[in-house]
Amino acid sequence: MATSKVTHVLQDERQNDAIMKRVKRAQGQMGAVVRMLEEGRSCEEIVTQMAAVAKAVNTAAFTLISSSLKECITDPSADTEQVTMKLQKIFLSLA
């Protein structure tokens, strides 16, 4: 028995732009971490910057998931059981 693959592409351009901004911010923060390591900055400063990167990435991921979930819930053609299983797997990957 073949199972169809559940996929979703976020349609909300406003949310997509917000996610993109967060990811780009995280990218810049990661570049700062590299520079700090090269400059021999303190561990505390570097870890603080790395925590900021992690928070930005996690916030972007959760925003993407919640926005996608909203779209999937409002889509009458969505297989809700498959969507639920897929979203649970994604949420657990971030835990």
Protein backbone atom coordinates (compact mmCIF):
# COMPACT_ATOMS: atom_id res chain seq x y z
CA MET A 1 0.00 0.00 0.00
CA ALA A 2 1.54 3.30 -1.08
CA THR A 3 1.23 6.36 1.14
CA SER A 4 1.22 9.86 -0.23
CA LYS A 5 3.83 12.23 1.05
CA VAL A 6 2.45 15.17 3.02
CA THR A 7 4.06 18.42 1.93
CA HIS A 8 3.18 22.03 2.37
CA VAL A 9 4.62 25.28 1.09
CA LEU A 10 3.77 28.35 3.13
CA GLN A 11 1.48 30.64 1.14
CA ASP A 12 1.30 33.57 3.58
CA GLU A 13 3.80 36.04 2.11
CA ARG A 14 3.76 38.26 5.21
CA GLN A 15 4.72 35.35 7.45
CA ASN A 16 7.24 34.09 4.93
CA ASP A 17 8.91 37.52 4.88
CA ALA A 18 9.00 37.61 8.70
CA ILE A 19 10.58 34.15 8.79
CA MET A 20 13.13 35.17 6.16
CA LYS A 21 14.11 38.24 8.21
CA ARG A 22 14.65 36.10 11.31
CA VAL A 23 16.76 33.59 9.41
CA LYS A 24 18.87 36.35 7.86
CA ARG A 25 19.31 37.89 11.31
CA ALA A 26 20.46 34.51 12.62
CA GLN A 27 22.86 34.24 9.69
CA GLY A 28 24.38 37.60 10.62
CA GLN A 29 24.60 36.60 14.26
CA MET A 30 26.37 33.37 13.28
CA GLY A 31 28.89 35.42 11.32
CA ALA A 32 29.46 37.44 14.50
CA VAL A 33 30.14 34.20 16.39
CA VAL A 34 32.81 33.25 13.85
CA ARG A 35 34.44 36.69 14.16
CA MET A 36 34.33 36.50 17.95
CA LEU A 37 36.06 33.11 17.88
CA GLU A 38 38.70 34.44 15.48
CA GLU A 39 39.26 37.46 17.74
CA GLY A 40 39.62 35.30 20.84
CA ARG A 41 36.63 36.81 22.67
CA SER A 42 35.45 35.42 25.99
CA CYS A 43 33.44 32.21 26.17
CA GLU A 44 30.61 34.06 27.92
CA GLU A 45 30.28 36.59 25.08
CA ILE A 46 30.38 33.85 22.43
CA VAL A 47 27.84 31.64 24.21
CA THR A 48 25.52 34.63 24.64
CA GLN A 49 25.71 35.31 20.91
CA MET A 50 25.18 31.61 20.12
CA ALA A 51 22.07 31.61 22.33
CA ALA A 52 20.74 34.54 20.30
CA VAL A 53 21.33 32.56 17.10
CA ALA A 54 19.50 29.54 18.51
CA LYS A 55 16.56 31.66 19.65
CA ALA A 56 16.26 33.34 16.24
CA VAL A 57 16.36 30.00 14.40
CA ASN A 58 13.87 28.36 16.78
CA THR A 59 11.49 31.31 16.55
CA ALA A 60 11.66 31.17 12.75
CA ALA A 61 10.97 27.42 12.80
CA PHE A 62 8.03 27.71 15.18
CA THR A 63 6.60 30.59 13.16
CA LEU A 64 6.87 28.50 10.00
CA ILE A 65 5.20 25.52 11.66
CA SER A 66 2.37 27.53 13.20
CA SER A 67 1.69 29.43 9.97
CA SER A 68 1.70 26.21 7.98
CA LEU A 69 -0.56 24.55 10.53
CA LYS A 70 -3.08 27.38 10.19
CA GLU A 71 -3.10 26.97 6.42
CA CYS A 72 -3.42 23.17 6.64
CA ILE A 73 -6.28 23.37 9.13
CA THR A 74 -8.22 25.74 6.90
CA ASP A 75 -7.62 23.58 3.80
CA PRO A 76 -10.67 21.32 3.44
CA SER A 77 -8.78 18.91 1.16
CA ALA A 78 -6.01 18.25 3.72
CA ASP A 79 -5.70 14.74 5.17
CA THR A 80 -5.78 15.86 8.80
CA GLU A 81 -4.42 12.58 10.19
CA GLN A 82 -1.35 12.71 7.94
CA VAL A 83 -0.88 16.43 8.59
CA THR A 84 -1.10 15.85 12.36
CA MET A 85 1.50 13.05 12.23
CA LYS A 86 3.85 15.15 10.09
CA LEU A 87 3.53 18.21 12.35
CA GLN A 88 4.15 16.11 15.47
CA LYS A 89 7.36 14.81 13.88
CA ILE A 90 8.48 18.35 12.99
CA PHE A 91 7.71 19.69 16.48
CA LEU A 92 9.65 16.82 18.07
CA SER A 93 12.65 17.52 15.83
CA LEU A 94 12.89 20.95 17.48
CA ALA A 95 12.64 19.61 21.03
